[in-house]
Every structure is written in structure tokens, then in C-alpha cells.
Amino acid sequence: MVIRRAYHVVFHMNGAWPAGWHTLCEGSGFPKRVSKTKAAAIRYARRLARSRRHIGQVIIHRKNGQIEREYTYGADPVETKG
């Protein structure tokens, strides 16, 4: 079974975590890293998505929360007839 890990790059301003661009692993309740710039957060998320032995996905959000772009790294599994 191939695991797909999604990393979200989102802007966060209020709450317990510091303000800035957060790199979040989907399903986790806390950020992997908080960056001052969006570009730095995207670089970090791409590095995480490419470095694992799974299918990695980077989902980049705008400041208002809408999805701006999405990238997938790694080979999708071959579909089999079931």
C-alpha cells in the first residue's frame, strides 16, 4: 500500500502558534515549521514531499485560505483491476 502525505502551506495569524506561513502535515495538529515568507515555506514543504518513500503532495493556500496551487511528487501506484 502506498501512502500519500500532503503538506499544506497556510498563513496563520492568530492563536497559540506564531504568525507567519506554516507548513503543516495533513492530519497533524501542529506546524512542522513556521516561516516568515511564503517562498521559504514552499521550499520546505517541497523538500519534505520529495524526501519521503511515499507519494508527496504540496498544497499551497492563499492568505484567505483558498487553494492556490498543488504539486504531487512520486509515482502513483499502478491501478489494478479488482
PDB file of N, CA and C in Angstrom:
ATOM      1  N   MET A   1       0.834  -1.172   0.000  1.00  0.00           N
ATOM      2  CA  MET A   1       0.000   0.000   0.000  1.00  0.00           C
ATOM      3  C   MET A   1       0.888   1.247   0.000  1.00  0.00           C
ATOM      4  N   VAL A   2       0.587   2.148  -0.889  1.00  0.00           N
ATOM      5  CA  VAL A   2       1.353   3.385  -0.998  1.00  0.00           C
ATOM      6  C   VAL A   2       0.674   4.456  -0.159  1.00  0.00           C
ATOM      7  N   ILE A   3       1.477   5.150   0.617  1.00  0.00           N
ATOM      8  CA  ILE A   3       0.964   6.203   1.489  1.00  0.00           C
ATOM      9  C   ILE A   3       1.125   7.552   0.796  1.00  0.00           C
ATOM     10  N   ARG A   4       0.099   8.360   0.862  1.00  0.00           N
ATOM     11  CA  ARG A   4       0.161   9.717   0.320  1.00  0.00           C
ATOM     12  C   ARG A   4       0.199  10.676   1.505  1.00  0.00           C
ATOM     13  N   ARG A   5       1.229  11.517   1.537  1.00  0.00           N
ATOM     14  CA  ARG A   5       1.355  12.527   2.584  1.00  0.00           C
ATOM     15  C   ARG A   5       1.180  13.900   1.956  1.00  0.00           C
ATOM     16  N   ALA A   6       0.281  14.663   2.503  1.00  0.00           N
ATOM     17  CA  ALA A   6       0.017  16.011   1.999  1.00  0.00           C
ATOM     18  C   ALA A   6       0.557  17.035   2.991  1.00  0.00           C
ATOM     19  N   TYR A   7       1.264  18.013   2.461  1.00  0.00           N
ATOM     20  CA  TYR A   7       1.805  19.117   3.247  1.00  0.00           C
ATOM     21  C   TYR A   7       1.142  20.402   2.776  1.00  0.00           C
ATOM     22  N   HIS A   8       0.532  21.118   3.704  1.00  0.00           N
ATOM     23  CA  HIS A   8      -0.171  22.359   3.384  1.00  0.00           C
ATOM     24  C   HIS A   8       0.688  23.544   3.793  1.00  0.00           C
ATOM     25  N   VAL A   9       0.718  24.558   2.942  1.00  0.00           N
ATOM     26  CA  VAL A   9       1.371  25.827   3.253  1.00  0.00           C
ATOM     27  C   VAL A   9       0.247  26.839   3.437  1.00  0.00           C
ATOM     28  N   VAL A  10       0.068  27.301   4.676  1.00  0.00           N
ATOM     29  CA  VAL A  10      -1.036  28.209   5.008  1.00  0.00           C
ATOM     30  C   VAL A  10      -0.524  29.391   5.823  1.00  0.00           C
ATOM     31  N   PHE A  11      -1.230  30.507   5.709  1.00  0.00           N
ATOM     32  CA  PHE A  11      -0.895  31.679   6.518  1.00  0.00           C
ATOM     33  C   PHE A  11      -1.717  31.623   7.796  1.00  0.00           C
ATOM     34  N   HIS A  12      -1.035  31.841   8.925  1.00  0.00           N
ATOM     35  CA  HIS A  12      -1.706  31.799  10.221  1.00  0.00           C
ATOM     36  C   HIS A  12      -1.317  33.044  11.000  1.00  0.00           C
ATOM     37  N   MET A  13      -2.326  33.727  11.561  1.00  0.00           N
ATOM     38  CA  MET A  13      -2.033  34.975  12.230  1.00  0.00           C
ATOM     39  C   MET A  13      -2.438  34.984  13.702  1.00  0.00           C
ATOM     40  N   ASN A  14      -3.442  34.222  14.091  1.00  0.00           N
ATOM     41  CA  ASN A  14      -3.951  34.275  15.465  1.00  0.00           C
ATOM     42  C   ASN A  14      -3.788  32.926  16.152  1.00  0.00           C
ATOM     43  N   GLY A  15      -3.789  32.932  17.467  1.00  0.00           N
ATOM     44  CA  GLY A  15      -3.791  31.687  18.214  1.00  0.00           C
ATOM     45  C   GLY A  15      -2.487  31.426  18.949  1.00  0.00           C
ATOM     46  N   ALA A  16      -2.306  30.171  19.309  1.00  0.00           N
ATOM     47  CA  ALA A  16      -1.158  29.770  20.119  1.00  0.00           C
ATOM     48  C   ALA A  16       0.144  29.737  19.319  1.00  0.00           C
ATOM     49  N   TRP A  17       0.047  29.543  18.004  1.00  0.00           N
ATOM     50  CA  TRP A  17       1.257  29.451  17.188  1.00  0.00           C
ATOM     51  C   TRP A  17       1.665  30.828  16.692  1.00  0.00           C
ATOM     52  N   PRO A  18       2.949  31.040  16.425  1.00  0.00           N
ATOM     53  CA  PRO A  18       3.405  32.348  15.933  1.00  0.00           C
ATOM     54  C   PRO A  18       2.817  32.664  14.556  1.00  0.00           C
ATOM     55  N   ALA A  19       2.692  33.948  14.272  1.00  0.00           N
ATOM     56  CA  ALA A  19       2.189  34.388  12.974  1.00  0.00           C
ATOM     57  C   ALA A  19       3.220  34.083  11.899  1.00  0.00           C
ATOM     58  N   GLY A  20       2.741  33.771  10.706  1.00  0.00           N
ATOM     59  CA  GLY A  20       3.621  33.504   9.580  1.00  0.00           C
ATOM     60  C   GLY A  20       3.053  32.407   8.694  1.00  0.00           C
ATOM     61  N   TRP A  21       3.881  31.932   7.776  1.00  0.00           N
ATOM     62  CA  TRP A  21       3.491  30.869   6.850  1.00  0.00           C
ATOM     63  C   TRP A  21       3.848  29.527   7.476  1.00  0.00           C
ATOM     64  N   HIS A  22       2.834  28.715   7.706  1.00  0.00           N
ATOM     65  CA  HIS A  22       3.004  27.427   8.376  1.00  0.00           C
ATOM     66  C   HIS A  22       3.041  26.296   7.359  1.00  0.00           C
ATOM     67  N   THR A  23       3.933  25.352   7.573  1.00  0.00           N
ATOM     68  CA  THR A  23       3.970  24.115   6.804  1.00  0.00           C
ATOM     69  C   THR A  23       3.381  23.038   7.704  1.00  0.00           C
ATOM     70  N   LEU A  24       2.235  22.512   7.291  1.00  0.00           N
ATOM     71  CA  LEU A  24       1.500  21.532   8.095  1.00  0.00           C
ATOM     72  C   LEU A  24       1.430  20.200   7.370  1.00  0.00           C
ATOM     73  N   CYS A  25       1.633  19.122   8.089  1.00  0.00           N
ATOM     74  CA  CYS A  25       1.403  17.793   7.550  1.00  0.00           C
ATOM     75  C   CYS A  25      -0.072  17.485   7.782  1.00  0.00           C
ATOM     76  N   GLU A  26      -0.768  17.055   6.736  1.00  0.00           N
ATOM     77  CA  GLU A  26      -2.197  16.788   6.856  1.00  0.00           C
ATOM     78  C   GLU A  26      -2.451  15.755   7.952  1.00  0.00           C
ATOM     79  N   GLY A  27      -3.379  16.071   8.829  1.00  0.00           N
ATOM     80  CA  GLY A  27      -3.707  15.175   9.930  1.00  0.00           C
ATOM     81  C   GLY A  27      -2.978  15.504  11.222  1.00  0.00           C
ATOM     82  N   SER A  28      -1.987  16.371  11.147  1.00  0.00           N
ATOM     83  CA  SER A  28      -1.238  16.759  12.336  1.00  0.00           C
ATOM     84  C   SER A  28      -1.840  18.039  12.910  1.00  0.00           C
ATOM     85  N   GLY A  29      -1.797  18.185  14.197  1.00  0.00           N
ATOM     86  CA  GLY A  29      -2.383  19.345  14.840  1.00  0.00           C
ATOM     87  C   GLY A  29      -1.438  20.501  15.065  1.00  0.00           C
ATOM     88  N   PHE A  30      -0.188  20.354  14.626  1.00  0.00           N
ATOM     89  CA  PHE A  30       0.778  21.420  14.853  1.00  0.00           C
ATOM     90  C   PHE A  30       1.661  21.593  13.616  1.00  0.00           C
ATOM     91  N   PRO A  31       2.235  22.780  13.410  1.00  0.00           N
ATOM     92  CA  PRO A  31       3.049  23.023  12.214  1.00  0.00           C
ATOM     93  C   PRO A  31       4.413  22.338  12.293  1.00  0.00           C
ATOM     94  N   LYS A  32       4.893  21.877  11.125  1.00  0.00           N
ATOM     95  CA  LYS A  32       6.247  21.330  11.032  1.00  0.00           C
ATOM     96  C   LYS A  32       7.260  22.468  11.160  1.00  0.00           C
ATOM     97  N   ARG A  33       6.911  23.619  10.572  1.00  0.00           N
ATOM     98  CA  ARG A  33       7.792  24.788  10.615  1.00  0.00           C
ATOM     99  C   ARG A  33       6.966  26.047  10.353  1.00  0.00           C
ATOM    100  N   VAL A  34       7.389  27.151  10.959  1.00  0.00           N
ATOM    101  CA  VAL A  34       6.783  28.453  10.709  1.00  0.00           C
ATOM    102  C   VAL A  34       7.848  29.307  10.029  1.00  0.00           C
ATOM    103  N   SER A  35       7.496  29.868   8.851  1.00  0.00           N
ATOM    104  CA  SER A  35       8.437  30.675   8.074  1.00  0.00           C
ATOM    105  C   SER A  35       7.927  32.105   7.966  1.00  0.00           C
ATOM    106  N   LYS A  36       8.867  33.043   7.794  1.00  0.00           N
ATOM    107  CA  LYS A  36       8.485  34.444   7.633  1.00  0.00           C
ATOM    108  C   LYS A  36       7.935  34.714   6.244  1.00  0.00           C
ATOM    109  N   THR A  37       8.411  33.961   5.244  1.00  0.00           N
ATOM    110  CA  THR A  37       7.964  34.190   3.872  1.00  0.00           C
ATOM    111  C   THR A  37       7.274  32.942   3.314  1.00  0.00           C
ATOM    112  N   LYS A  38       6.394  33.186   2.359  1.00  0.00           N
ATOM    113  CA  LYS A  38       5.681  32.094   1.701  1.00  0.00           C
ATOM    114  C   LYS A  38       6.653  31.235   0.897  1.00  0.00           C
ATOM    115  N   ALA A  39       7.612  31.866   0.245  1.00  0.00           N
ATOM    116  CA  ALA A  39       8.583  31.140  -0.576  1.00  0.00           C
ATOM    117  C   ALA A  39       9.399  30.156   0.272  1.00  0.00           C
ATOM    118  N   ALA A  40       9.796  30.561   1.456  1.00  0.00           N
ATOM    119  CA  ALA A  40      10.565  29.673   2.334  1.00  0.00           C
ATOM    120  C   ALA A  40       9.714  28.489   2.784  1.00  0.00           C
ATOM    121  N   ALA A  41       8.449  28.734   3.080  1.00  0.00           N
ATOM    122  CA  ALA A  41       7.552  27.651   3.490  1.00  0.00           C
ATOM    123  C   ALA A  41       7.324  26.665   2.348  1.00  0.00           C
ATOM    124  N   ILE A  42       7.204  27.160   1.125  1.00  0.00           N
ATOM    125  CA  ILE A  42       7.011  26.292  -0.040  1.00  0.00           C
ATOM    126  C   ILE A  42       8.253  25.443  -0.275  1.00  0.00           C
ATOM    127  N   ARG A  43       9.436  26.039  -0.178  1.00  0.00           N
ATOM    128  CA  ARG A  43      10.686  25.276  -0.354  1.00  0.00           C
ATOM    129  C   ARG A  43      10.776  24.139   0.650  1.00  0.00           C
ATOM    130  N   TYR A  44      10.431  24.425   1.902  1.00  0.00           N
ATOM    131  CA  TYR A  44      10.492  23.408   2.943  1.00  0.00           C
ATOM    132  C   TYR A  44       9.470  22.293   2.681  1.00  0.00           C
ATOM    133  N   ALA A  45       8.255  22.652   2.319  1.00  0.00           N
ATOM    134  CA  ALA A  45       7.215  21.657   2.035  1.00  0.00           C
ATOM    135  C   ALA A  45       7.606  20.776   0.851  1.00  0.00           C
ATOM    136  N   ARG A  46       8.180  21.362  -0.178  1.00  0.00           N
ATOM    137  CA  ARG A  46       8.628  20.576  -1.339  1.00  0.00           C
ATOM    138  C   ARG A  46       9.738  19.615  -0.954  1.00  0.00           C
ATOM    139  N   ARG A  47      10.655  20.069  -0.114  1.00  0.00           N
ATOM    140  CA  ARG A  47      11.739  19.195   0.336  1.00  0.00           C
ATOM    141  C   ARG A  47      11.177  18.007   1.120  1.00  0.00           C
ATOM    142  N   LEU A  48      10.199  18.249   1.978  1.00  0.00           N
ATOM    143  CA  LEU A  48       9.564  17.162   2.727  1.00  0.00           C
ATOM    144  C   LEU A  48       8.855  16.183   1.780  1.00  0.00           C
ATOM    145  N   ALA A  49       8.117  16.708   0.833  1.00  0.00           N
ATOM    146  CA  ALA A  49       7.336  15.863  -0.073  1.00  0.00           C
ATOM    147  C   ALA A  49       8.232  15.006  -0.964  1.00  0.00           C
ATOM    148  N   ARG A  50       9.383  15.518  -1.344  1.00  0.00           N
ATOM    149  CA  ARG A  50      10.292  14.776  -2.225  1.00  0.00           C
ATOM    150  C   ARG A  50      11.166  13.779  -1.477  1.00  0.00           C
ATOM    151  N   SER A  51      11.380  13.979  -0.188  1.00  0.00           N
ATOM    152  CA  SER A  51      12.376  13.189   0.533  1.00  0.00           C
ATOM    153  C   SER A  51      11.840  11.897   1.126  1.00  0.00           C
ATOM    154  N   ARG A  52      10.566  11.669   1.080  1.00  0.00           N
ATOM    155  CA  ARG A  52       9.976  10.502   1.727  1.00  0.00           C
ATOM    156  C   ARG A  52       9.793   9.357   0.736  1.00  0.00           C
ATOM    157  N   ARG A  53       9.560   8.171   1.285  1.00  0.00           N
ATOM    158  CA  ARG A  53       9.303   6.997   0.446  1.00  0.00           C
ATOM    159  C   ARG A  53       7.804   6.803   0.263  1.00  0.00           C
ATOM    160  N   HIS A  54       7.172   7.851  -0.153  1.00  0.00           N
ATOM    161  CA  HIS A  54       5.742   7.812  -0.392  1.00  0.00           C
ATOM    162  C   HIS A  54       5.414   8.851  -1.445  1.00  0.00           C
ATOM    163  N   ILE A  55       4.171   8.934  -1.785  1.00  0.00           N
ATOM    164  CA  ILE A  55       3.734   9.979  -2.693  1.00  0.00           C
ATOM    165  C   ILE A  55       3.560  11.241  -1.860  1.00  0.00           C
ATOM    166  N   GLY A  56       4.236  12.289  -2.239  1.00  0.00           N
ATOM    167  CA  GLY A  56       4.165  13.545  -1.507  1.00  0.00           C
ATOM    168  C   GLY A  56       3.348  14.563  -2.271  1.00  0.00           C
ATOM    169  N   GLN A  57       2.600  15.337  -1.551  1.00  0.00           N
ATOM    170  CA  GLN A  57       1.757  16.352  -2.163  1.00  0.00           C
ATOM    171  C   GLN A  57       1.948  17.654  -1.408  1.00  0.00           C
ATOM    172  N   VAL A  58       2.094  18.761  -2.141  1.00  0.00           N
ATOM    173  CA  VAL A  58       2.209  20.089  -1.541  1.00  0.00           C
ATOM    174  C   VAL A  58       0.997  20.888  -1.996  1.00  0.00           C
ATOM    175  N   ILE A  59       0.248  21.394  -1.033  1.00  0.00           N
ATOM    176  CA  ILE A  59      -0.931  22.194  -1.317  1.00  0.00           C
ATOM    177  C   ILE A  59      -0.681  23.593  -0.765  1.00  0.00           C
ATOM    178  N   ILE A  60      -0.646  24.569  -1.656  1.00  0.00           N
ATOM    179  CA  ILE A  60      -0.317  25.948  -1.293  1.00  0.00           C
ATOM    180  C   ILE A  60      -1.616  26.759  -1.242  1.00  0.00           C
ATOM    181  N   HIS A  61      -1.814  27.452  -0.122  1.00  0.00           N
ATOM    182  CA  HIS A  61      -3.018  28.253   0.073  1.00  0.00           C
ATOM    183  C   HIS A  61      -2.689  29.737  -0.014  1.00  0.00           C
ATOM    184  N   ARG A  62      -3.672  30.526  -0.407  1.00  0.00           N
ATOM    185  CA  ARG A  62      -3.553  31.982  -0.351  1.00  0.00           C
ATOM    186  C   ARG A  62      -3.777  32.432   1.095  1.00  0.00           C
ATOM    187  N   LYS A  63      -3.578  33.710   1.355  1.00  0.00           N
ATOM    188  CA  LYS A  63      -3.791  34.231   2.713  1.00  0.00           C
ATOM    189  C   LYS A  63      -5.234  34.052   3.164  1.00  0.00           C
ATOM    190  N   ASN A  64      -6.183  34.070   2.219  1.00  0.00           N
ATOM    191  CA  ASN A  64      -7.595  33.928   2.589  1.00  0.00           C
ATOM    192  C   ASN A  64      -8.016  32.463   2.751  1.00  0.00           C
ATOM    193  N   GLY A  65      -7.085  31.523   2.571  1.00  0.00           N
ATOM    194  CA  GLY A  65      -7.369  30.113   2.786  1.00  0.00           C
ATOM    195  C   GLY A  65      -7.684  29.311   1.534  1.00  0.00           C
ATOM    196  N   GLN A  66      -7.956  29.974   0.412  1.00  0.00           N
ATOM    197  CA  GLN A  66      -8.237  29.264  -0.832  1.00  0.00           C
ATOM    198  C   GLN A  66      -6.992  28.568  -1.351  1.00  0.00           C
ATOM    199  N   ILE A  67      -7.192  27.427  -2.010  1.00  0.00           N
ATOM    200  CA  ILE A  67      -6.062  26.706  -2.590  1.00  0.00           C
ATOM    201  C   ILE A  67      -5.585  27.455  -3.830  1.00  0.00           C
ATOM    202  N   GLU A  68      -4.290  27.733  -3.861  1.00  0.00           N
ATOM    203  CA  GLU A  68      -3.678  28.451  -4.978  1.00  0.00           C
ATOM    204  C   GLU A  68      -3.061  27.476  -5.987  1.00  0.00           C
ATOM    205  N   ARG A  69      -2.266  26.521  -5.493  1.00  0.00           N
ATOM    206  CA  ARG A  69      -1.575  25.540  -6.344  1.00  0.00           C
ATOM    207  C   ARG A  69      -1.446  24.228  -5.606  1.00  0.00           C
ATOM    208  N   GLU A  70      -1.174  23.193  -6.406  1.00  0.00           N
ATOM    209  CA  GLU A  70      -0.995  21.864  -5.830  1.00  0.00           C
ATOM    210  C   GLU A  70       0.048  21.122  -6.661  1.00  0.00           C
ATOM    211  N   TYR A  71       0.982  20.473  -5.984  1.00  0.00           N
ATOM    212  CA  TYR A  71       2.031  19.700  -6.656  1.00  0.00           C
ATOM    213  C   TYR A  71       2.060  18.301  -6.062  1.00  0.00           C
ATOM    214  N   THR A  72       2.316  17.299  -6.907  1.00  0.00           N
ATOM    215  CA  THR A  72       2.437  15.918  -6.451  1.00  0.00           C
ATOM    216  C   THR A  72       3.799  15.394  -6.862  1.00  0.00           C
ATOM    217  N   TYR A  73       4.473  14.709  -5.941  1.00  0.00           N
ATOM    218  CA  TYR A  73       5.797  14.145  -6.178  1.00  0.00           C
ATOM    219  C   TYR A  73       5.761  12.646  -5.927  1.00  0.00           C
ATOM    220  N   GLY A  74       6.458  11.898  -6.745  1.00  0.00           N
ATOM    221  CA  GLY A  74       6.481  10.446  -6.617  1.00  0.00           C
ATOM    222  C   GLY A  74       5.530   9.816  -7.615  1.00  0.00           C
ATOM    223  N   ALA A  75       5.700   8.522  -7.825  1.00  0.00           N
ATOM    224  CA  ALA A  75       4.890   7.818  -8.812  1.00  0.00           C
ATOM    225  C   ALA A  75       3.609   7.310  -8.169  1.00  0.00           C
ATOM    226  N   ASP A  76       2.497   7.544  -8.832  1.00  0.00           N
ATOM    227  CA  ASP A  76       1.236   6.965  -8.384  1.00  0.00           C
ATOM    228  C   ASP A  76       1.281   5.470  -8.621  1.00  0.00           C
ATOM    229  N   PRO A  77       0.654   4.690  -7.756  1.00  0.00           N
ATOM    230  CA  PRO A  77       0.675   3.237  -7.941  1.00  0.00           C
ATOM    231  C   PRO A  77      -0.079   2.825  -9.192  1.00  0.00           C
ATOM    232  N   VAL A  78       0.311   1.702  -9.754  1.00  0.00           N
ATOM    233  CA  VAL A  78      -0.373   1.175 -10.933  1.00  0.00           C
ATOM    234  C   VAL A  78      -1.745   0.685 -10.504  1.00  0.00           C
ATOM    235  N   GLU A  79      -2.754   1.105 -11.229  1.00  0.00           N
ATOM    236  CA  GLU A  79      -4.112   0.668 -10.897  1.00  0.00           C
ATOM    237  C   GLU A  79      -4.312  -0.768 -11.347  1.00  0.00           C
ATOM    238  N   THR A  80      -4.910  -1.554 -10.493  1.00  0.00           N
ATOM    239  CA  THR A  80      -5.169  -2.950 -10.833  1.00  0.00           C
ATOM    240  C   THR A  80      -6.676  -3.188 -10.881  1.00  0.00           C
ATOM    241  N   LYS A  81      -7.071  -4.152 -11.672  1.00  0.00           N
ATOM    242  CA  LYS A  81      -8.491  -4.487 -11.745  1.00  0.00           C
ATOM    243  C   LYS A  81      -8.865  -5.227 -10.485  1.00  0.00           C
ATOM    244  N   GLY A  82      -9.993  -4.888  -9.896  1.00  0.00           N
ATOM    245  CA  GLY A  82     -10.379  -5.506  -8.640  1.00  0.00           C
ATOM    246  C   GLY A  82     -11.688  -6.105  -8.758  1.00  0.00           C
TER     247      GLY A  82
END
